[in-house]
Protein backbone atom coordinates (compact mmCIF):
# COMPACT_ATOMS: atom_id res chain seq x y z
CA MET A 1 -24.75 -9.30 -4.04
CA VAL A 2 -22.12 -9.60 -1.33
CA ALA A 3 -18.41 -10.05 -2.06
CA VAL A 4 -16.37 -12.07 0.44
CA ILE A 5 -12.69 -11.09 0.35
CA ASP A 6 -9.79 -12.93 2.00
CA THR A 7 -6.95 -10.60 3.04
CA SER A 8 -4.41 -13.31 3.90
CA ASN A 9 -0.89 -12.17 2.93
CA ALA A 10 -2.27 -8.96 1.39
CA PRO A 11 -0.50 -5.69 2.22
CA MET A 12 -2.99 -3.83 4.40
CA GLY A 13 -2.80 -0.48 2.60
CA ARG A 14 -3.22 -1.93 -0.87
CA ALA A 15 -6.06 -4.16 0.23
CA ALA A 16 -7.75 -1.24 1.97
CA SER A 17 -7.57 0.97 -1.12
CA LEU A 18 -8.99 -1.75 -3.39
CA ILE A 19 -11.80 -2.46 -0.95
CA ALA A 20 -12.56 1.27 -0.54
CA GLN A 21 -12.87 1.71 -4.30
CA ARG A 22 -15.31 -1.19 -4.51
CA LEU A 23 -17.33 0.12 -1.56
CA LEU A 24 -17.69 3.50 -3.27
CA LYS A 25 -19.11 1.71 -6.32
CA GLY A 26 -21.90 0.38 -4.08
CA GLU A 27 -20.73 -3.17 -3.37
CA LYS A 28 -21.34 -4.86 -0.04
CA ILE A 29 -18.08 -6.39 1.15
CA ILE A 30 -17.23 -8.88 3.86
CA VAL A 31 -13.54 -9.17 4.74
CA VAL A 32 -12.36 -12.44 6.30
CA ASN A 33 -8.96 -13.42 7.73
CA SER A 34 -8.20 -9.81 8.58
CA GLU A 35 -5.62 -10.95 11.14
CA LYS A 36 -3.46 -12.35 8.33
CA ALA A 37 -3.10 -9.05 6.45
CA ILE A 38 0.44 -7.69 6.54
CA ILE A 39 2.14 -4.35 7.01
CA SER A 40 5.48 -3.97 5.27
CA GLY A 41 8.44 -2.67 7.22
CA ARG A 42 10.52 -3.58 10.21
CA LYS A 43 8.51 -5.08 13.06
CA LYS A 44 10.09 -2.98 15.77
CA GLU A 45 9.32 0.32 14.02
CA ILE A 46 5.75 -0.63 13.11
CA LYS A 47 5.02 -1.69 16.69
CA LYS A 48 6.55 1.56 17.98
CA ARG A 49 4.41 3.66 15.60
CA TYR A 50 1.15 1.91 16.53
CA LYS A 51 1.94 2.03 20.27
CA ALA A 52 2.51 5.78 19.96
CA LYS A 53 -0.93 6.10 18.31
CA ARG A 54 -2.47 4.03 21.10
CA ASP A 55 -0.89 6.13 23.84
CA ILE A 56 -2.28 9.41 22.42
CA GLY A 57 -5.88 8.41 23.12
CA THR A 58 -5.63 7.68 26.83
CA SER A 59 -8.37 10.09 27.90
CA ARG A 60 -12.08 9.33 27.70
CA LYS A 61 -12.54 11.64 24.73
CA GLY A 62 -10.15 9.87 22.35
CA PRO A 63 -8.88 9.54 19.68
CA PHE A 64 -9.23 5.81 20.07
CA ALA A 65 -6.71 3.41 18.54
CA PHE A 66 -8.09 -0.05 18.01
CA ARG A 67 -6.17 -3.12 19.13
CA THR A 68 -7.93 -6.01 17.38
CA PRO A 69 -6.87 -6.89 13.82
CA ASP A 70 -10.34 -6.59 12.31
CA ARG A 71 -10.87 -3.11 13.81
CA ILE A 72 -7.40 -1.93 12.70
CA LEU A 73 -8.16 -2.99 9.12
CA LYS A 74 -11.64 -1.48 9.24
CA LYS A 75 -10.28 1.87 10.42
CA THR A 76 -7.64 1.80 7.66
CA ILE A 77 -10.37 1.25 5.06
CA ARG A 78 -12.41 4.06 6.60
CA GLY A 79 -9.41 6.36 6.19
CA MET A 80 -9.50 5.71 2.45
CA LEU A 81 -13.16 6.68 2.15
CA PRO A 82 -14.56 10.23 2.10
CA TYR A 83 -16.13 9.45 5.47
CA GLN A 84 -17.17 13.04 6.22
CA GLN A 85 -19.48 12.98 3.19
CA ALA A 86 -22.74 11.06 2.91
CA LYS A 87 -21.45 8.75 0.16
CA GLY A 88 -18.46 7.75 2.32
CA ARG A 89 -20.61 6.97 5.35
CA LYS A 90 -23.03 4.98 3.21
CA ALA A 91 -20.15 3.02 1.66
CA PHE A 92 -18.62 2.32 5.09
CA LYS A 93 -21.90 0.81 6.32
CA ASN A 94 -21.56 -1.83 3.58
CA LEU A 95 -18.34 -3.18 5.12
CA LYS A 96 -17.94 -5.98 7.65
CA THR A 97 -14.60 -7.37 8.85
CA TYR A 98 -13.98 -10.66 10.62
CA ILE A 99 -11.12 -12.51 12.28
CA GLY A 100 -10.88 -15.91 10.62
CA ILE A 101 -13.68 -17.23 8.41
CA PRO A 102 -17.09 -17.46 10.10
CA GLU A 103 -19.10 -20.61 9.36
CA GLU A 104 -21.77 -18.81 7.35
CA PHE A 105 -19.16 -17.65 4.80
CA GLN A 106 -17.14 -20.85 4.42
CA LYS A 107 -19.34 -22.10 1.57
CA GLU A 108 -19.30 -18.73 -0.22
CA ASN A 109 -17.01 -17.97 -3.15
CA ILE A 110 -14.09 -16.23 -1.42
CA GLU A 111 -11.90 -13.84 -3.44
CA ILE A 112 -8.20 -13.98 -2.59
CA LEU A 113 -6.53 -10.59 -2.98
CA TRP A 114 -2.89 -11.62 -2.74
CA LYS A 115 -1.01 -14.88 -3.26
CA LYS A 116 2.26 -14.61 -1.31
CA PRO A 117 4.12 -11.65 0.12
CA LYS A 118 7.29 -10.86 -1.78
CA LEU A 119 8.55 -8.83 1.12
CA GLU A 120 11.50 -9.47 3.35
CA TYR A 121 10.30 -7.41 6.29
CA PHE A 122 6.67 -7.44 7.36
CA ILE A 123 4.38 -8.00 10.33
CA THR A 124 0.91 -9.51 10.37
CA LEU A 125 -1.97 -7.69 12.01
CA GLU A 126 -2.26 -10.60 14.44
CA GLU A 127 1.31 -10.04 15.70
CA LEU A 128 0.76 -6.29 15.88
CA SER A 129 -2.47 -6.76 17.81
CA LYS A 130 -0.80 -9.03 20.37
CA SER A 131 1.96 -6.47 20.93
CA LEU A 132 -0.60 -3.66 21.40
CA LYS A 133 -2.46 -5.55 24.12
CA THR A 134 0.56 -5.62 26.41
């Protein structure tokens, strides 16, 4: 069975840890609306931190910092898995992330992780991604 999870308004780190735990249990998970996940903190400082990560990997050999919201979320989830071990790699293969909700999943039962952010300062992955592309 496949679980479809909506990460709208969900803090990225908390969502990633919950998803990683479920992946390690053997579930197949599809994450939709990854661009609407949020990172708590001041926008300016978050953008500065991610731009610094992006600027490190300017050579051909990496490390590579992703710029699209779905890839940022996927890499965050990967960081919460024991990826260097076989069980972590197997779990990571059961994950798919999407921007928006693809048509084939609109009729599925979508789990909502978070209702509304109770944070004063936050940035969505969509905003962060747009700032990284410049």
